[in-house]
Amino acid sequence: MPRGRTKGDHEAKRAEIAEAACQVILRLGIAQTSLSEISREMGYTTGILRHYFADKEELLLYAKNLFFDRSFERARAAAIRHDGIEKLRAMAISLLPTDTESVDRYRLLATFNGHAIGNSRLMKLQQKRNVRHWHVFEEVITALIESGDLPAQLNPRLEACGILAMIDGLADQVIMEPGAWSTNELVPLLSRYIESLRKPASLAPQMGRTAKQRSA
């Protein structure tokens, strides 16, 4: 059997570096962060880091993807423990910025998005990741429509996008004004939004006209 690092060892080391890099990026900002700065944080040489990442941009992209993929796996796990619309609610709540780890995750995403503006390659890569994440919620919404827990008129992809856009928007507020939002405020707010999918506003006018017609 040939010697050397296995693929699992390589990925584990990349993840270790990414976690250390996040602390430096969140402390100094992306502009002030360098591979040499991250190397000092870890007690490595820059050459070791370059063995795993070509440059700072590749490292930032990997770190952002790593942490958000982990969070969406936790969302899937949260869904397994529930049925009906509670499955969707549990998934959404699991993504809220309610602790230091989750707030840092959204700070990292905001840092990446700001860095990606004007860079068509990075923006395209982020959009592909967005589609993957929407799909996690789209699958659950589709199943809830098929089971009758949600109205058949809903567009699963659009509603998935709406839920994640609301979570991202709340995360932006938490990042910009730390301490101003509590879990006791964020969770009920998101829960009400999820509950509103049972009777979407777009269906209300049609139902109202039907009622008038019957009373005429």
C-alpha atoms as a PDB file:
ATOM      1  CA  MET A   1       0.000   0.000   0.000  1.00  0.00           C
ATOM      2  CA  PRO A   2       1.555   3.356  -0.995  1.00  0.00           C
ATOM      3  CA  ARG A   3       2.607   5.733   1.718  1.00  0.00           C
ATOM      4  CA  GLY A   4       1.464   9.280   2.077  1.00  0.00           C
ATOM      5  CA  ARG A   5      -1.558  11.218   3.196  1.00  0.00           C
ATOM      6  CA  THR A   6      -4.966   9.784   2.376  1.00  0.00           C
ATOM      7  CA  LYS A   7      -7.671  11.928   0.829  1.00  0.00           C
ATOM      8  CA  GLY A   8      -9.446  11.997   4.183  1.00  0.00           C
ATOM      9  CA  ASP A   9      -6.318  13.349   5.886  1.00  0.00           C
ATOM     10  CA  HIS A  10      -5.977  16.025   3.209  1.00  0.00           C
ATOM     11  CA  GLU A  11      -9.583  17.207   3.619  1.00  0.00           C
ATOM     12  CA  ALA A  12      -9.302  17.147   7.411  1.00  0.00           C
ATOM     13  CA  LYS A  13      -6.259  19.407   7.218  1.00  0.00           C
ATOM     14  CA  ARG A  14      -8.009  21.757   4.785  1.00  0.00           C
ATOM     15  CA  ALA A  15     -10.919  22.009   7.214  1.00  0.00           C
ATOM     16  CA  GLU A  16      -8.541  22.699  10.112  1.00  0.00           C
ATOM     17  CA  ILE A  17      -6.877  25.484   8.151  1.00  0.00           C
ATOM     18  CA  ALA A  18     -10.245  26.914   7.106  1.00  0.00           C
ATOM     19  CA  GLU A  19     -11.426  27.097  10.717  1.00  0.00           C
ATOM     20  CA  ALA A  20      -8.285  28.952  11.766  1.00  0.00           C
ATOM     21  CA  ALA A  21      -8.521  31.244   8.740  1.00  0.00           C
ATOM     22  CA  CYS A  22     -12.076  32.214   9.663  1.00  0.00           C
ATOM     23  CA  GLN A  23     -10.933  33.554  13.006  1.00  0.00           C
ATOM     24  CA  VAL A  24      -8.293  35.701  11.309  1.00  0.00           C
ATOM     25  CA  ILE A  25     -10.668  36.926   8.588  1.00  0.00           C
ATOM     26  CA  LEU A  26     -13.388  37.845  11.087  1.00  0.00           C
ATOM     27  CA  ARG A  27     -10.851  39.608  13.312  1.00  0.00           C
ATOM     28  CA  LEU A  28      -8.895  41.533  10.676  1.00  0.00           C
ATOM     29  CA  GLY A  29     -11.190  41.639   7.651  1.00  0.00           C
ATOM     30  CA  ILE A  30     -10.468  40.045   4.301  1.00  0.00           C
ATOM     31  CA  ALA A  31      -8.323  42.942   3.038  1.00  0.00           C
ATOM     32  CA  GLN A  32      -5.890  42.673   5.956  1.00  0.00           C
ATOM     33  CA  THR A  33      -5.796  38.883   6.013  1.00  0.00           C
ATOM     34  CA  SER A  34      -2.941  37.084   4.268  1.00  0.00           C
ATOM     35  CA  LEU A  35      -1.783  33.489   4.102  1.00  0.00           C
ATOM     36  CA  SER A  36       1.230  34.502   6.186  1.00  0.00           C
ATOM     37  CA  GLU A  37      -1.086  35.922   8.871  1.00  0.00           C
ATOM     38  CA  ILE A  38      -3.079  32.683   8.919  1.00  0.00           C
ATOM     39  CA  SER A  39       0.164  30.706   9.036  1.00  0.00           C
ATOM     40  CA  ARG A  40       1.246  32.607  12.147  1.00  0.00           C
ATOM     41  CA  GLU A  41      -2.149  31.931  13.732  1.00  0.00           C
ATOM     42  CA  MET A  42      -1.611  28.200  13.278  1.00  0.00           C
ATOM     43  CA  GLY A  43       2.142  28.077  13.881  1.00  0.00           C
ATOM     44  CA  TYR A  44       2.757  26.859  10.315  1.00  0.00           C
ATOM     45  CA  THR A  45       4.870  28.134   7.475  1.00  0.00           C
ATOM     46  CA  THR A  46       3.199  29.798   4.507  1.00  0.00           C
ATOM     47  CA  GLY A  47       4.528  26.964   2.343  1.00  0.00           C
ATOM     48  CA  ILE A  48       2.452  24.424   4.256  1.00  0.00           C
ATOM     49  CA  LEU A  49      -0.721  26.462   3.686  1.00  0.00           C
ATOM     50  CA  ARG A  50       0.052  26.798  -0.019  1.00  0.00           C
ATOM     51  CA  HIS A  51       0.203  23.000  -0.189  1.00  0.00           C
ATOM     52  CA  TYR A  52      -3.520  22.999   0.623  1.00  0.00           C
ATOM     53  CA  PHE A  53      -4.717  26.334  -0.832  1.00  0.00           C
ATOM     54  CA  ALA A  54      -3.336  28.254  -3.777  1.00  0.00           C
ATOM     55  CA  ASP A  55      -4.305  31.661  -2.400  1.00  0.00           C
ATOM     56  CA  LYS A  56      -6.480  33.580   0.061  1.00  0.00           C
ATOM     57  CA  GLU A  57      -9.443  33.606  -2.333  1.00  0.00           C
ATOM     58  CA  GLU A  58      -9.514  29.819  -2.611  1.00  0.00           C
ATOM     59  CA  LEU A  59      -9.273  29.501   1.176  1.00  0.00           C
ATOM     60  CA  LEU A  60     -12.143  31.957   1.782  1.00  0.00           C
ATOM     61  CA  LEU A  61     -14.339  30.137  -0.735  1.00  0.00           C
ATOM     62  CA  TYR A  62     -13.589  26.763   0.833  1.00  0.00           C
ATOM     63  CA  ALA A  63     -14.212  28.024   4.382  1.00  0.00           C
ATOM     64  CA  LYS A  64     -17.540  29.638   3.493  1.00  0.00           C
ATOM     65  CA  ASN A  65     -18.739  26.502   1.696  1.00  0.00           C
ATOM     66  CA  LEU A  66     -17.568  24.227   4.503  1.00  0.00           C
ATOM     67  CA  PHE A  67     -19.472  26.037   7.243  1.00  0.00           C
ATOM     68  CA  PHE A  68     -22.672  26.523   5.276  1.00  0.00           C
ATOM     69  CA  ASP A  69     -22.722  22.938   4.024  1.00  0.00           C
ATOM     70  CA  ARG A  70     -22.397  21.835   7.644  1.00  0.00           C
ATOM     71  CA  SER A  71     -25.301  24.073   8.656  1.00  0.00           C
ATOM     72  CA  PHE A  72     -27.555  22.689   5.928  1.00  0.00           C
ATOM     73  CA  GLU A  73     -26.702  19.159   6.978  1.00  0.00           C
ATOM     74  CA  ARG A  74     -27.873  20.139  10.463  1.00  0.00           C
ATOM     75  CA  ALA A  75     -31.056  21.492   8.891  1.00  0.00           C
ATOM     76  CA  ARG A  76     -31.657  18.117   7.230  1.00  0.00           C
ATOM     77  CA  ALA A  77     -31.074  16.395  10.568  1.00  0.00           C
ATOM     78  CA  ALA A  78     -33.545  18.745  12.285  1.00  0.00           C
ATOM     79  CA  ALA A  79     -36.167  17.894   9.669  1.00  0.00           C
ATOM     80  CA  ILE A  80     -35.943  14.172  10.344  1.00  0.00           C
ATOM     81  CA  ARG A  81     -37.234  14.658  13.885  1.00  0.00           C
ATOM     82  CA  HIS A  82     -40.483  16.318  12.776  1.00  0.00           C
ATOM     83  CA  ASP A  83     -43.523  15.778  10.571  1.00  0.00           C
ATOM     84  CA  GLY A  84     -45.727  18.060   8.503  1.00  0.00           C
ATOM     85  CA  ILE A  85     -45.021  21.759   8.437  1.00  0.00           C
ATOM     86  CA  GLU A  86     -43.031  21.403  11.686  1.00  0.00           C
ATOM     87  CA  LYS A  87     -40.363  19.755   9.542  1.00  0.00           C
ATOM     88  CA  LEU A  88     -39.993  22.954   7.511  1.00  0.00           C
ATOM     89  CA  ARG A  89     -40.111  25.153  10.607  1.00  0.00           C
ATOM     90  CA  ALA A  90     -37.384  23.150  12.362  1.00  0.00           C
ATOM     91  CA  MET A  91     -35.116  23.372   9.313  1.00  0.00           C
ATOM     92  CA  ALA A  92     -35.534  27.128   9.023  1.00  0.00           C
ATOM     93  CA  ILE A  93     -35.042  27.811  12.736  1.00  0.00           C
ATOM     94  CA  SER A  94     -31.848  25.732  12.757  1.00  0.00           C
ATOM     95  CA  LEU A  95     -30.304  28.234  10.325  1.00  0.00           C
ATOM     96  CA  LEU A  96     -31.103  31.381  12.323  1.00  0.00           C
ATOM     97  CA  PRO A  97     -28.169  33.415  13.715  1.00  0.00           C
ATOM     98  CA  THR A  98     -28.900  32.676  17.377  1.00  0.00           C
ATOM     99  CA  ASP A  99     -25.421  31.992  18.780  1.00  0.00           C
ATOM    100  CA  THR A 100     -21.818  33.060  18.276  1.00  0.00           C
ATOM    101  CA  GLU A 101     -21.031  30.244  15.857  1.00  0.00           C
ATOM    102  CA  SER A 102     -23.993  30.923  13.582  1.00  0.00           C
ATOM    103  CA  VAL A 103     -23.464  34.703  13.657  1.00  0.00           C
ATOM    104  CA  ASP A 104     -19.822  34.201  12.649  1.00  0.00           C
ATOM    105  CA  ARG A 105     -21.000  31.954   9.826  1.00  0.00           C
ATOM    106  CA  TYR A 106     -23.126  34.771   8.401  1.00  0.00           C
ATOM    107  CA  ARG A 107     -20.344  37.296   8.972  1.00  0.00           C
ATOM    108  CA  LEU A 108     -18.128  35.059   6.866  1.00  0.00           C
ATOM    109  CA  LEU A 109     -20.768  34.873   4.128  1.00  0.00           C
ATOM    110  CA  ALA A 110     -21.142  38.659   4.150  1.00  0.00           C
ATOM    111  CA  THR A 111     -17.354  38.972   3.860  1.00  0.00           C
ATOM    112  CA  PHE A 112     -17.290  36.577   0.917  1.00  0.00           C
ATOM    113  CA  ASN A 113     -20.213  38.262  -0.857  1.00  0.00           C
ATOM    114  CA  GLY A 114     -18.569  41.657  -0.502  1.00  0.00           C
ATOM    115  CA  HIS A 115     -15.323  40.228  -1.869  1.00  0.00           C
ATOM    116  CA  ALA A 116     -17.186  38.569  -4.763  1.00  0.00           C
ATOM    117  CA  ILE A 117     -18.909  41.722  -6.035  1.00  0.00           C
ATOM    118  CA  GLY A 118     -17.399  42.571  -9.400  1.00  0.00           C
ATOM    119  CA  ASN A 119     -15.868  39.092  -9.726  1.00  0.00           C
ATOM    120  CA  SER A 120     -18.070  37.126 -12.116  1.00  0.00           C
ATOM    121  CA  ARG A 121     -16.368  33.813 -11.310  1.00  0.00           C
ATOM    122  CA  LEU A 122     -16.927  34.098  -7.566  1.00  0.00           C
ATOM    123  CA  MET A 123     -20.490  35.317  -8.031  1.00  0.00           C
ATOM    124  CA  LYS A 124     -21.249  32.373 -10.284  1.00  0.00           C
ATOM    125  CA  LEU A 125     -19.786  29.954  -7.748  1.00  0.00           C
ATOM    126  CA  GLN A 126     -21.890  31.467  -4.965  1.00  0.00           C
ATOM    127  CA  GLN A 127     -25.024  31.258  -7.093  1.00  0.00           C
ATOM    128  CA  LYS A 128     -24.409  27.556  -7.671  1.00  0.00           C
ATOM    129  CA  ARG A 129     -24.124  27.102  -3.898  1.00  0.00           C
ATOM    130  CA  ASN A 130     -27.337  29.062  -3.380  1.00  0.00           C
ATOM    131  CA  VAL A 131     -29.152  26.716  -5.752  1.00  0.00           C
ATOM    132  CA  ARG A 132     -27.897  23.685  -3.802  1.00  0.00           C
ATOM    133  CA  HIS A 133     -29.138  25.191  -0.553  1.00  0.00           C
ATOM    134  CA  TRP A 134     -32.514  26.210  -1.995  1.00  0.00           C
ATOM    135  CA  HIS A 135     -32.934  22.656  -3.176  1.00  0.00           C
ATOM    136  CA  VAL A 136     -32.756  21.348   0.413  1.00  0.00           C
ATOM    137  CA  PHE A 137     -35.851  23.388   1.275  1.00  0.00           C
ATOM    138  CA  GLU A 138     -37.485  22.901  -2.119  1.00  0.00           C
ATOM    139  CA  GLU A 139     -37.522  19.121  -1.605  1.00  0.00           C
ATOM    140  CA  VAL A 140     -39.278  19.438   1.743  1.00  0.00           C
ATOM    141  CA  ILE A 141     -41.824  21.981   0.472  1.00  0.00           C
ATOM    142  CA  THR A 142     -42.603  19.762  -2.517  1.00  0.00           C
ATOM    143  CA  ALA A 143     -43.217  16.797  -0.194  1.00  0.00           C
ATOM    144  CA  LEU A 144     -45.472  18.907   2.039  1.00  0.00           C
ATOM    145  CA  ILE A 145     -47.522  19.972  -0.971  1.00  0.00           C
ATOM    146  CA  GLU A 146     -47.862  16.369  -2.105  1.00  0.00           C
ATOM    147  CA  SER A 147     -48.985  15.318   1.395  1.00  0.00           C
ATOM    148  CA  GLY A 148     -51.555  18.110   1.560  1.00  0.00           C
ATOM    149  CA  ASP A 149     -49.812  19.980   4.391  1.00  0.00           C
ATOM    150  CA  LEU A 150     -49.252  22.976   2.116  1.00  0.00           C
ATOM    151  CA  PRO A 151     -51.418  24.385  -0.723  1.00  0.00           C
ATOM    152  CA  ALA A 152     -50.860  22.935  -4.183  1.00  0.00           C
ATOM    153  CA  GLN A 153     -50.649  26.463  -5.637  1.00  0.00           C
ATOM    154  CA  LEU A 154     -47.302  27.156  -3.977  1.00  0.00           C
ATOM    155  CA  ASN A 155     -44.154  27.291  -6.074  1.00  0.00           C
ATOM    156  CA  PRO A 156     -41.665  25.153  -4.072  1.00  0.00           C
ATOM    157  CA  ARG A 157     -38.567  26.798  -5.515  1.00  0.00           C
ATOM    158  CA  LEU A 158     -39.870  30.323  -4.975  1.00  0.00           C
ATOM    159  CA  GLU A 159     -40.951  29.598  -1.413  1.00  0.00           C
ATOM    160  CA  ALA A 160     -37.588  27.980  -0.632  1.00  0.00           C
ATOM    161  CA  CYS A 161     -35.865  31.108  -1.919  1.00  0.00           C
ATOM    162  CA  GLY A 162     -38.209  33.287   0.159  1.00  0.00           C
ATOM    163  CA  ILE A 163     -37.494  31.426   3.408  1.00  0.00           C
ATOM    164  CA  LEU A 164     -33.737  31.587   2.937  1.00  0.00           C
ATOM    165  CA  ALA A 165     -33.894  35.229   1.865  1.00  0.00           C
ATOM    166  CA  MET A 166     -35.735  36.055   5.096  1.00  0.00           C
ATOM    167  CA  ILE A 167     -33.131  34.199   7.164  1.00  0.00           C
ATOM    168  CA  ASP A 168     -30.294  35.965   5.330  1.00  0.00           C
ATOM    169  CA  GLY A 169     -31.999  39.322   5.870  1.00  0.00           C
ATOM    170  CA  LEU A 170     -32.400  38.694   9.588  1.00  0.00           C
ATOM    171  CA  ALA A 171     -28.758  37.625   9.744  1.00  0.00           C
ATOM    172  CA  ASP A 172     -27.723  40.929   8.148  1.00  0.00           C
ATOM    173  CA  GLN A 173     -29.599  42.815  10.877  1.00  0.00           C
ATOM    174  CA  VAL A 174     -27.967  40.745  13.610  1.00  0.00           C
ATOM    175  CA  ILE A 175     -24.509  41.329  12.111  1.00  0.00           C
ATOM    176  CA  MET A 176     -25.008  45.091  11.821  1.00  0.00           C
ATOM    177  CA  GLU A 177     -26.557  45.500  15.278  1.00  0.00           C
ATOM    178  CA  PRO A 178     -25.209  42.795  17.590  1.00  0.00           C
ATOM    179  CA  GLY A 179     -27.252  42.254  20.718  1.00  0.00           C
ATOM    180  CA  ALA A 180     -30.326  44.056  19.390  1.00  0.00           C
ATOM    181  CA  TRP A 181     -32.086  40.844  18.382  1.00  0.00           C
ATOM    182  CA  SER A 182     -32.827  37.907  20.647  1.00  0.00           C
ATOM    183  CA  THR A 183     -33.701  34.300  19.895  1.00  0.00           C
ATOM    184  CA  ASN A 184     -37.085  34.961  21.499  1.00  0.00           C
ATOM    185  CA  GLU A 185     -37.762  37.522  18.777  1.00  0.00           C
ATOM    186  CA  LEU A 186     -36.218  35.793  15.763  1.00  0.00           C
ATOM    187  CA  VAL A 187     -37.792  32.356  16.241  1.00  0.00           C
ATOM    188  CA  PRO A 188     -41.451  33.525  16.539  1.00  0.00           C
ATOM    189  CA  LEU A 189     -40.964  35.910  13.615  1.00  0.00           C
ATOM    190  CA  LEU A 190     -39.701  33.151  11.342  1.00  0.00           C
ATOM    191  CA  SER A 191     -42.310  30.717  12.674  1.00  0.00           C
ATOM    192  CA  ARG A 192     -45.114  33.113  11.705  1.00  0.00           C
ATOM    193  CA  TYR A 193     -43.692  33.347   8.204  1.00  0.00           C
ATOM    194  CA  ILE A 194     -43.588  29.563   7.871  1.00  0.00           C
ATOM    195  CA  GLU A 195     -47.144  29.307   9.213  1.00  0.00           C
ATOM    196  CA  SER A 196     -48.329  31.849   6.622  1.00  0.00           C
ATOM    197  CA  LEU A 197     -47.479  29.362   3.856  1.00  0.00           C
ATOM    198  CA  ARG A 198     -50.558  27.358   4.839  1.00  0.00           C
ATOM    199  CA  LYS A 199     -52.683  30.188   3.428  1.00  0.00           C
ATOM    200  CA  PRO A 200     -50.535  32.313   1.130  1.00  0.00           C
ATOM    201  CA  ALA A 201     -51.663  35.883   0.512  1.00  0.00           C
ATOM    202  CA  SER A 202     -51.810  35.254  -3.248  1.00  0.00           C
ATOM    203  CA  LEU A 203     -54.759  32.941  -2.657  1.00  0.00           C
ATOM    204  CA  ALA A 204     -56.739  35.435  -0.563  1.00  0.00           C
ATOM    205  CA  PRO A 205     -58.209  37.569  -3.418  1.00  0.00           C
ATOM    206  CA  GLN A 206     -59.444  34.479  -5.251  1.00  0.00           C
ATOM    207  CA  MET A 207     -61.095  33.167  -2.087  1.00  0.00           C
ATOM    208  CA  GLY A 208     -62.633  36.589  -1.410  1.00  0.00           C
ATOM    209  CA  ARG A 209     -64.211  36.807  -4.869  1.00  0.00           C
ATOM    210  CA  THR A 210     -65.685  33.349  -4.446  1.00  0.00           C
ATOM    211  CA  ALA A 211     -67.296  34.371  -1.165  1.00  0.00           C
ATOM    212  CA  LYS A 212     -68.851  37.484  -2.748  1.00  0.00           C
ATOM    213  CA  GLN A 213     -70.172  35.482  -5.636  1.00  0.00           C
ATOM    214  CA  ARG A 214     -71.863  33.066  -3.269  1.00  0.00           C
ATOM    215  CA  SER A 215     -73.495  35.886  -1.293  1.00  0.00           C
ATOM    216  CA  ALA A 216     -74.741  37.662  -4.418  1.00  0.00           C
END
